Amino acid sequence: MAILNLLNLYEEMSTEEVLERLPENAKPRSPDPYNVVLTQLHRLKRQGIVELLDDGRWRIIRREEEEEKVEIPPDLFSIIVGYEDLKEMFLRSLTSEKPTHILLWGETGTAKTLFMQELSRLKRSRYALGGSSTKAGIARFLIDYRPLFLLIDES
């Protein structure tokens, strides 16, 4: 993750620059840290996350779909009766320029799962069941699908 954060910040970097700018706690503890970083970069390349340019520099692949605006269906949340304050909060967070994280918490039967199922209708959203997901599975899910919205239900 530290490598991706650096590439996001500096846009293009050589392998040497990545190694040089890595925070101390993220640097490989290896006799040959350069090859460890190079291996990690090639793994990210195989996953389609970064690319190696002709000049030997690395950069994150920017996908056009990541820049598109969220299209909110006019009937979003129409199956949910009441909860107007929550509907407004969700609509604001969906159009926010900054990332928003929402935790729904409450008694059984308070429409938490309904809200998540409605949000799963949005383009590039993914729904997962938290009770049957592992940390590694969620990470793989994020890498493979690159969702704009990740919805995890406790069920």
N, C-alpha and C. Protein backbone atom coordinates (compact mmCIF):
# COMPACT_ATOMS: atom_id res chain seq x y z
N MET A 1 0.81 -1.19 0.00
CA MET A 1 0.00 0.00 0.00
C MET A 1 0.86 1.26 0.00
N ALA A 2 1.98 1.22 0.68
CA ALA A 2 2.85 2.39 0.74
C ALA A 2 3.35 2.77 -0.65
N ILE A 3 3.60 1.76 -1.48
CA ILE A 3 4.06 2.03 -2.85
C ILE A 3 2.97 2.74 -3.64
N LEU A 4 1.73 2.27 -3.52
CA LEU A 4 0.62 2.91 -4.23
C LEU A 4 0.41 4.34 -3.73
N ASN A 5 0.55 4.56 -2.44
CA ASN A 5 0.41 5.91 -1.91
C ASN A 5 1.47 6.84 -2.50
N LEU A 6 2.70 6.36 -2.61
CA LEU A 6 3.77 7.17 -3.21
C LEU A 6 3.47 7.49 -4.67
N LEU A 7 3.05 6.47 -5.42
CA LEU A 7 2.76 6.69 -6.84
C LEU A 7 1.57 7.62 -7.03
N ASN A 8 0.62 7.57 -6.12
CA ASN A 8 -0.50 8.51 -6.18
C ASN A 8 -0.02 9.93 -5.95
N LEU A 9 0.92 10.09 -5.03
CA LEU A 9 1.42 11.40 -4.67
C LEU A 9 2.34 11.98 -5.74
N TYR A 10 3.27 11.17 -6.24
CA TYR A 10 4.28 11.68 -7.18
C TYR A 10 3.98 11.37 -8.64
N GLU A 11 2.92 10.62 -8.91
CA GLU A 11 2.46 10.25 -10.24
C GLU A 11 3.39 9.30 -10.99
N GLU A 12 4.65 9.67 -11.21
CA GLU A 12 5.59 8.78 -11.90
C GLU A 12 6.87 8.71 -11.09
N MET A 13 7.39 7.49 -10.92
CA MET A 13 8.62 7.32 -10.14
C MET A 13 9.40 6.12 -10.67
N SER A 14 10.71 6.21 -10.56
CA SER A 14 11.54 5.05 -10.87
C SER A 14 11.53 4.12 -9.64
N THR A 15 12.01 2.90 -9.84
CA THR A 15 12.07 1.95 -8.73
C THR A 15 12.97 2.51 -7.62
N GLU A 16 14.08 3.14 -8.01
CA GLU A 16 15.00 3.72 -7.02
C GLU A 16 14.32 4.81 -6.21
N GLU A 17 13.53 5.66 -6.88
CA GLU A 17 12.83 6.74 -6.17
C GLU A 17 11.78 6.18 -5.21
N VAL A 18 11.09 5.13 -5.63
CA VAL A 18 10.11 4.50 -4.75
C VAL A 18 10.81 4.01 -3.49
N LEU A 19 11.91 3.28 -3.65
CA LEU A 19 12.65 2.74 -2.51
C LEU A 19 13.17 3.87 -1.62
N GLU A 20 13.66 4.92 -2.23
CA GLU A 20 14.22 6.04 -1.49
C GLU A 20 13.17 6.77 -0.65
N ARG A 21 11.96 6.89 -1.18
CA ARG A 21 10.91 7.68 -0.52
C ARG A 21 9.99 6.86 0.38
N LEU A 22 10.16 5.55 0.39
CA LEU A 22 9.33 4.73 1.28
C LEU A 22 9.61 5.09 2.72
N PRO A 23 8.58 5.19 3.56
CA PRO A 23 8.83 5.43 4.98
C PRO A 23 9.63 4.27 5.57
N GLU A 24 10.40 4.53 6.58
CA GLU A 24 11.28 3.52 7.17
C GLU A 24 10.51 2.26 7.59
N ASN A 25 9.31 2.45 8.15
CA ASN A 25 8.56 1.28 8.61
C ASN A 25 7.97 0.47 7.45
N ALA A 26 8.01 1.01 6.22
CA ALA A 26 7.49 0.28 5.06
C ALA A 26 8.60 -0.29 4.18
N LYS A 27 9.85 0.06 4.49
CA LYS A 27 10.96 -0.45 3.67
C LYS A 27 11.19 -1.93 3.94
N PRO A 28 11.47 -2.69 2.88
CA PRO A 28 11.70 -4.13 3.06
C PRO A 28 12.91 -4.39 3.94
N ARG A 29 12.77 -5.33 4.84
CA ARG A 29 13.89 -5.75 5.69
C ARG A 29 14.54 -6.94 4.99
N SER A 30 15.37 -6.62 4.05
CA SER A 30 15.96 -7.65 3.20
C SER A 30 17.37 -7.21 2.82
N PRO A 31 18.26 -8.16 2.54
CA PRO A 31 19.60 -7.78 2.08
C PRO A 31 19.54 -7.05 0.73
N ASP A 32 18.46 -7.26 -0.03
CA ASP A 32 18.33 -6.63 -1.34
C ASP A 32 16.96 -5.96 -1.46
N PRO A 33 16.74 -4.83 -0.78
CA PRO A 33 15.42 -4.19 -0.78
C PRO A 33 14.97 -3.73 -2.17
N TYR A 34 15.92 -3.39 -3.04
CA TYR A 34 15.58 -2.95 -4.40
C TYR A 34 14.78 -4.04 -5.12
N ASN A 35 15.26 -5.27 -5.07
CA ASN A 35 14.56 -6.36 -5.76
C ASN A 35 13.21 -6.68 -5.13
N VAL A 36 13.08 -6.48 -3.83
CA VAL A 36 11.79 -6.69 -3.17
C VAL A 36 10.78 -5.67 -3.70
N VAL A 37 11.18 -4.40 -3.77
CA VAL A 37 10.29 -3.34 -4.28
C VAL A 37 9.98 -3.59 -5.75
N LEU A 38 10.99 -3.98 -6.52
CA LEU A 38 10.78 -4.27 -7.94
C LEU A 38 9.79 -5.42 -8.13
N THR A 39 9.89 -6.43 -7.32
CA THR A 39 8.96 -7.56 -7.37
C THR A 39 7.54 -7.11 -7.05
N GLN A 40 7.41 -6.25 -6.02
CA GLN A 40 6.09 -5.74 -5.66
C GLN A 40 5.50 -4.89 -6.80
N LEU A 41 6.32 -4.10 -7.45
CA LEU A 41 5.85 -3.29 -8.57
C LEU A 41 5.40 -4.17 -9.74
N HIS A 42 6.16 -5.22 -10.02
CA HIS A 42 5.76 -6.13 -11.11
C HIS A 42 4.47 -6.88 -10.76
N ARG A 43 4.27 -7.19 -9.50
CA ARG A 43 3.02 -7.84 -9.07
C ARG A 43 1.85 -6.88 -9.30
N LEU A 44 2.02 -5.60 -8.96
CA LEU A 44 0.98 -4.60 -9.20
C LEU A 44 0.74 -4.42 -10.70
N LYS A 45 1.79 -4.57 -11.49
CA LYS A 45 1.64 -4.47 -12.95
C LYS A 45 0.79 -5.63 -13.48
N ARG A 46 1.06 -6.85 -13.00
CA ARG A 46 0.27 -8.01 -13.44
C ARG A 46 -1.19 -7.88 -13.05
N GLN A 47 -1.45 -7.18 -11.96
CA GLN A 47 -2.83 -6.98 -11.50
C GLN A 47 -3.51 -5.84 -12.25
N GLY A 48 -2.76 -5.16 -13.12
CA GLY A 48 -3.35 -4.07 -13.89
C GLY A 48 -3.49 -2.77 -13.13
N ILE A 49 -2.72 -2.61 -12.06
CA ILE A 49 -2.83 -1.42 -11.22
C ILE A 49 -1.80 -0.36 -11.61
N VAL A 50 -0.59 -0.81 -11.97
CA VAL A 50 0.46 0.13 -12.39
C VAL A 50 0.99 -0.29 -13.75
N GLU A 51 1.69 0.63 -14.40
CA GLU A 51 2.33 0.31 -15.68
C GLU A 51 3.77 0.82 -15.67
N LEU A 52 4.61 0.16 -16.46
CA LEU A 52 6.00 0.55 -16.60
C LEU A 52 6.12 1.34 -17.89
N LEU A 53 6.58 2.58 -17.79
CA LEU A 53 6.71 3.45 -18.96
C LEU A 53 8.02 3.16 -19.69
N ASP A 54 8.14 3.69 -20.90
CA ASP A 54 9.33 3.47 -21.72
C ASP A 54 10.61 3.97 -21.06
N ASP A 55 10.49 5.02 -20.24
CA ASP A 55 11.68 5.58 -19.60
C ASP A 55 12.05 4.88 -18.29
N GLY A 56 11.37 3.75 -17.98
CA GLY A 56 11.69 2.99 -16.78
C GLY A 56 11.00 3.48 -15.53
N ARG A 57 10.08 4.42 -15.67
CA ARG A 57 9.34 4.94 -14.53
C ARG A 57 8.01 4.21 -14.42
N TRP A 58 7.48 4.18 -13.20
CA TRP A 58 6.21 3.51 -12.93
C TRP A 58 5.13 4.54 -12.68
N ARG A 59 3.89 4.18 -13.04
CA ARG A 59 2.75 5.04 -12.69
C ARG A 59 1.49 4.20 -12.54
N ILE A 60 0.56 4.73 -11.76
CA ILE A 60 -0.73 4.06 -11.57
C ILE A 60 -1.55 4.23 -12.84
N ILE A 61 -2.22 3.17 -13.24
CA ILE A 61 -3.09 3.23 -14.41
C ILE A 61 -4.37 3.94 -13.99
N ARG A 62 -4.65 5.05 -14.63
CA ARG A 62 -5.88 5.81 -14.35
C ARG A 62 -6.93 5.34 -15.33
N ARG A 63 -8.02 4.88 -14.81
CA ARG A 63 -9.10 4.40 -15.67
C ARG A 63 -10.12 5.51 -15.83
N GLU A 64 -10.62 5.65 -17.05
CA GLU A 64 -11.60 6.68 -17.33
C GLU A 64 -12.83 6.52 -16.44
N GLU A 65 -13.22 5.28 -16.17
CA GLU A 65 -14.42 5.04 -15.38
C GLU A 65 -14.29 5.60 -13.96
N GLU A 66 -13.07 5.77 -13.46
CA GLU A 66 -12.89 6.30 -12.12
C GLU A 66 -13.20 7.78 -12.06
N GLU A 67 -13.15 8.46 -13.19
CA GLU A 67 -13.38 9.89 -13.23
C GLU A 67 -14.85 10.23 -13.45
N GLU A 68 -15.67 9.27 -13.83
CA GLU A 68 -17.06 9.57 -14.16
C GLU A 68 -17.88 9.89 -12.92
N LYS A 69 -18.93 10.66 -13.13
CA LYS A 69 -19.83 11.04 -12.06
C LYS A 69 -20.76 9.88 -11.73
N VAL A 70 -21.20 9.85 -10.50
CA VAL A 70 -22.13 8.82 -10.06
C VAL A 70 -23.53 9.17 -10.57
N GLU A 71 -24.15 8.21 -11.26
CA GLU A 71 -25.52 8.41 -11.72
C GLU A 71 -26.44 7.81 -10.67
N ILE A 72 -27.26 8.66 -10.07
CA ILE A 72 -28.17 8.21 -9.03
C ILE A 72 -29.56 8.03 -9.63
N PRO A 73 -30.08 6.81 -9.60
CA PRO A 73 -31.42 6.58 -10.15
C PRO A 73 -32.46 7.41 -9.40
N PRO A 74 -33.44 7.94 -10.11
CA PRO A 74 -34.46 8.76 -9.43
C PRO A 74 -35.27 7.98 -8.40
N ASP A 75 -35.36 6.66 -8.57
CA ASP A 75 -36.16 5.86 -7.64
C ASP A 75 -35.31 5.21 -6.54
N LEU A 76 -34.07 5.69 -6.36
CA LEU A 76 -33.22 5.13 -5.30
C LEU A 76 -33.90 5.34 -3.95
N PHE A 77 -33.99 4.34 -3.16
CA PHE A 77 -34.61 4.33 -1.83
C PHE A 77 -36.14 4.41 -1.87
N SER A 78 -36.76 4.29 -3.04
CA SER A 78 -38.22 4.42 -3.11
C SER A 78 -38.93 3.26 -2.41
N ILE A 79 -38.26 2.12 -2.25
CA ILE A 79 -38.90 0.98 -1.58
C ILE A 79 -38.84 1.11 -0.06
N ILE A 80 -38.12 2.13 0.43
CA ILE A 80 -37.97 2.32 1.88
C ILE A 80 -38.91 3.42 2.33
N VAL A 81 -39.77 3.09 3.28
CA VAL A 81 -40.73 4.05 3.81
C VAL A 81 -40.12 4.73 5.03
N GLY A 82 -40.19 6.07 5.03
CA GLY A 82 -39.64 6.83 6.15
C GLY A 82 -38.14 7.03 6.02
N TYR A 83 -37.48 7.29 7.13
CA TYR A 83 -36.02 7.47 7.19
C TYR A 83 -35.53 8.57 6.24
N GLU A 84 -36.30 9.65 6.12
CA GLU A 84 -35.95 10.73 5.18
C GLU A 84 -34.59 11.34 5.50
N ASP A 85 -34.23 11.43 6.79
CA ASP A 85 -32.94 11.99 7.17
C ASP A 85 -31.80 11.11 6.68
N LEU A 86 -31.96 9.78 6.77
CA LEU A 86 -30.92 8.87 6.27
C LEU A 86 -30.82 8.92 4.74
N LYS A 87 -31.96 9.00 4.08
CA LYS A 87 -31.95 9.09 2.61
C LYS A 87 -31.19 10.33 2.17
N GLU A 88 -31.44 11.46 2.84
CA GLU A 88 -30.74 12.70 2.51
C GLU A 88 -29.24 12.58 2.77
N MET A 89 -28.87 11.95 3.90
CA MET A 89 -27.46 11.78 4.23
C MET A 89 -26.76 10.93 3.15
N PHE A 90 -27.41 9.84 2.73
CA PHE A 90 -26.82 8.99 1.70
C PHE A 90 -26.67 9.75 0.38
N LEU A 91 -27.69 10.48 -0.02
CA LEU A 91 -27.62 11.22 -1.28
C LEU A 91 -26.50 12.26 -1.25
N ARG A 92 -26.33 12.92 -0.12
CA ARG A 92 -25.23 13.89 0.00
C ARG A 92 -23.87 13.20 -0.07
N SER A 93 -23.76 12.07 0.59
CA SER A 93 -22.46 11.37 0.58
C SER A 93 -22.14 10.82 -0.81
N LEU A 94 -23.16 10.42 -1.57
CA LEU A 94 -22.92 9.90 -2.92
C LEU A 94 -22.42 10.96 -3.88
N THR A 95 -22.78 12.22 -3.63
CA THR A 95 -22.34 13.31 -4.52
C THR A 95 -21.17 14.09 -3.95
N SER A 96 -20.65 13.66 -2.81
CA SER A 96 -19.53 14.34 -2.17
C SER A 96 -18.25 14.15 -2.99
N GLU A 97 -17.41 15.16 -2.99
CA GLU A 97 -16.13 15.06 -3.70
C GLU A 97 -15.11 14.26 -2.89
N LYS A 98 -15.30 14.19 -1.59
CA LYS A 98 -14.38 13.47 -0.73
C LYS A 98 -14.97 12.11 -0.36
N PRO A 99 -14.11 11.13 -0.09
CA PRO A 99 -14.62 9.81 0.33
C PRO A 99 -15.44 9.93 1.61
N THR A 100 -16.50 9.16 1.67
CA THR A 100 -17.39 9.17 2.83
C THR A 100 -17.56 7.73 3.30
N HIS A 101 -17.51 7.54 4.60
CA HIS A 101 -17.70 6.22 5.20
C HIS A 101 -18.91 6.30 6.12
N ILE A 102 -19.82 5.35 5.97
CA ILE A 102 -21.04 5.36 6.77
C ILE A 102 -21.19 4.00 7.44
N LEU A 103 -21.46 4.04 8.73
CA LEU A 103 -21.71 2.82 9.49
C LEU A 103 -23.17 2.85 9.93
N LEU A 104 -23.93 1.87 9.47
CA LEU A 104 -25.33 1.76 9.89
C LEU A 104 -25.39 0.82 11.08
N TRP A 105 -26.07 1.24 12.12
CA TRP A 105 -26.09 0.52 13.36
C TRP A 105 -27.48 0.71 13.95
N GLY A 106 -28.07 -0.35 14.46
CA GLY A 106 -29.39 -0.20 15.06
C GLY A 106 -30.08 -1.53 15.27
N GLU A 107 -31.31 -1.42 15.76
CA GLU A 107 -32.12 -2.59 16.06
C GLU A 107 -32.48 -3.36 14.79
N THR A 108 -32.88 -4.61 14.97
CA THR A 108 -33.36 -5.43 13.87
C THR A 108 -34.60 -4.77 13.28
N GLY A 109 -34.71 -4.82 11.94
CA GLY A 109 -35.90 -4.29 11.28
C GLY A 109 -35.90 -2.80 11.06
N THR A 110 -34.69 -2.17 11.07
CA THR A 110 -34.64 -0.71 10.87
C THR A 110 -34.09 -0.34 9.49
N ALA A 111 -34.25 -1.23 8.52
CA ALA A 111 -33.96 -0.97 7.10
C ALA A 111 -32.48 -0.85 6.74
N LYS A 112 -31.58 -1.31 7.60
CA LYS A 112 -30.15 -1.22 7.29
C LYS A 112 -29.82 -2.01 6.02
N THR A 113 -30.26 -3.25 5.97
CA THR A 113 -29.97 -4.09 4.80
C THR A 113 -30.69 -3.57 3.56
N LEU A 114 -31.88 -3.03 3.71
CA LEU A 114 -32.59 -2.45 2.56
C LEU A 114 -31.81 -1.29 1.96
N PHE A 115 -31.26 -0.43 2.82
CA PHE A 115 -30.45 0.68 2.33
C PHE A 115 -29.26 0.15 1.53
N MET A 116 -28.60 -0.87 2.06
CA MET A 116 -27.43 -1.41 1.36
C MET A 116 -27.81 -2.08 0.05
N GLN A 117 -28.93 -2.78 0.03
CA GLN A 117 -29.37 -3.41 -1.21
C GLN A 117 -29.72 -2.36 -2.26
N GLU A 118 -30.31 -1.27 -1.84
CA GLU A 118 -30.62 -0.19 -2.78
C GLU A 118 -29.32 0.44 -3.31
N LEU A 119 -28.35 0.64 -2.44
CA LEU A 119 -27.07 1.22 -2.87
C LEU A 119 -26.32 0.27 -3.81
N SER A 120 -26.56 -1.02 -3.68
CA SER A 120 -25.87 -1.98 -4.56
C SER A 120 -26.35 -1.87 -6.00
N ARG A 121 -27.43 -1.13 -6.24
CA ARG A 121 -27.91 -0.90 -7.61
C ARG A 121 -27.02 0.10 -8.36
N LEU A 122 -26.23 0.88 -7.64
CA LEU A 122 -25.39 1.89 -8.27
C LEU A 122 -24.27 1.24 -9.07
N LYS A 123 -23.88 1.89 -10.15
CA LYS A 123 -22.79 1.39 -10.98
C LYS A 123 -21.51 1.36 -10.16
N ARG A 124 -20.74 0.29 -10.32
CA ARG A 124 -19.46 0.06 -9.64
C ARG A 124 -19.60 -0.03 -8.12
N SER A 125 -20.73 -0.57 -7.67
CA SER A 125 -20.85 -0.86 -6.24
C SER A 125 -20.80 -2.38 -6.07
N ARG A 126 -20.29 -2.82 -4.96
CA ARG A 126 -20.18 -4.24 -4.67
C ARG A 126 -20.69 -4.50 -3.27
N TYR A 127 -21.42 -5.58 -3.12
CA TYR A 127 -22.06 -5.97 -1.87
C TYR A 127 -21.40 -7.25 -1.37
N ALA A 128 -21.00 -7.26 -0.11
CA ALA A 128 -20.37 -8.45 0.47
C ALA A 128 -20.99 -8.75 1.82
N LEU A 129 -20.99 -10.01 2.17
CA LEU A 129 -21.47 -10.41 3.49
C LEU A 129 -20.28 -10.51 4.43
N GLY A 130 -20.27 -9.66 5.44
CA GLY A 130 -19.14 -9.59 6.36
C GLY A 130 -18.91 -10.87 7.15
N GLY A 131 -19.97 -11.57 7.50
CA GLY A 131 -19.84 -12.78 8.30
C GLY A 131 -19.12 -13.90 7.59
N SER A 132 -19.13 -13.87 6.26
CA SER A 132 -18.47 -14.94 5.50
C SER A 132 -17.27 -14.41 4.71
N SER A 133 -16.78 -13.22 5.05
CA SER A 133 -15.64 -12.63 4.34
C SER A 133 -14.42 -12.60 5.24
N THR A 134 -13.26 -12.76 4.62
CA THR A 134 -12.00 -12.64 5.36
C THR A 134 -11.33 -11.33 4.98
N LYS A 135 -10.35 -10.93 5.76
CA LYS A 135 -9.58 -9.73 5.46
C LYS A 135 -8.91 -9.86 4.08
N ALA A 136 -8.32 -11.02 3.82
CA ALA A 136 -7.67 -11.26 2.52
C ALA A 136 -8.70 -11.28 1.40
N GLY A 137 -9.88 -11.83 1.66
CA GLY A 137 -10.93 -11.87 0.65
C GLY A 137 -11.42 -10.48 0.28
N ILE A 138 -11.58 -9.62 1.27
CA ILE A 138 -12.00 -8.24 1.01
C ILE A 138 -10.92 -7.51 0.22
N ALA A 139 -9.64 -7.70 0.57
CA ALA A 139 -8.54 -7.06 -0.16
C ALA A 139 -8.54 -7.51 -1.62
N ARG A 140 -8.71 -8.80 -1.86
CA ARG A 140 -8.76 -9.34 -3.21
C ARG A 140 -9.95 -8.76 -3.99
N PHE A 141 -11.08 -8.65 -3.31
CA PHE A 141 -12.31 -8.08 -3.85
C PHE A 141 -12.05 -6.65 -4.33
N LEU A 142 -11.36 -5.86 -3.49
CA LEU A 142 -11.05 -4.47 -3.84
C LEU A 142 -10.12 -4.38 -5.04
N ILE A 143 -9.13 -5.25 -5.10
CA ILE A 143 -8.18 -5.23 -6.21
C ILE A 143 -8.85 -5.68 -7.51
N ASP A 144 -9.65 -6.74 -7.43
CA ASP A 144 -10.27 -7.28 -8.64
C ASP A 144 -11.37 -6.38 -9.21
N TYR A 145 -12.21 -5.84 -8.34
CA TYR A 145 -13.38 -5.09 -8.82
C TYR A 145 -13.23 -3.58 -8.77
N ARG A 146 -12.33 -3.07 -7.95
CA ARG A 146 -12.11 -1.63 -7.80
C ARG A 146 -13.42 -0.87 -7.67
N PRO A 147 -14.24 -1.23 -6.68
CA PRO A 147 -15.55 -0.59 -6.56
C PRO A 147 -15.45 0.86 -6.09
N LEU A 148 -16.41 1.66 -6.52
CA LEU A 148 -16.54 3.00 -5.95
C LEU A 148 -17.23 2.91 -4.59
N PHE A 149 -18.13 1.93 -4.47
CA PHE A 149 -18.88 1.75 -3.24
C PHE A 149 -18.74 0.31 -2.79
N LEU A 150 -18.21 0.13 -1.60
CA LEU A 150 -18.11 -1.20 -1.01
C LEU A 150 -19.10 -1.28 0.13
N LEU A 151 -20.05 -2.20 0.03
CA LEU A 151 -21.12 -2.36 1.01
C LEU A 151 -20.91 -3.70 1.70
N ILE A 152 -20.71 -3.67 3.01
CA ILE A 152 -20.50 -4.91 3.75
C ILE A 152 -21.61 -5.05 4.78
N ASP A 153 -22.37 -6.13 4.65
CA ASP A 153 -23.47 -6.40 5.58
C ASP A 153 -23.00 -7.43 6.60
N GLU A 154 -23.52 -7.32 7.80
CA GLU A 154 -23.09 -8.22 8.88
C GLU A 154 -23.62 -9.62 8.73
N SER A 155 -24.65 -9.84 7.95
CA SER A 155 -25.31 -11.14 7.84
C SER A 155 -24.36 -12.26 7.52
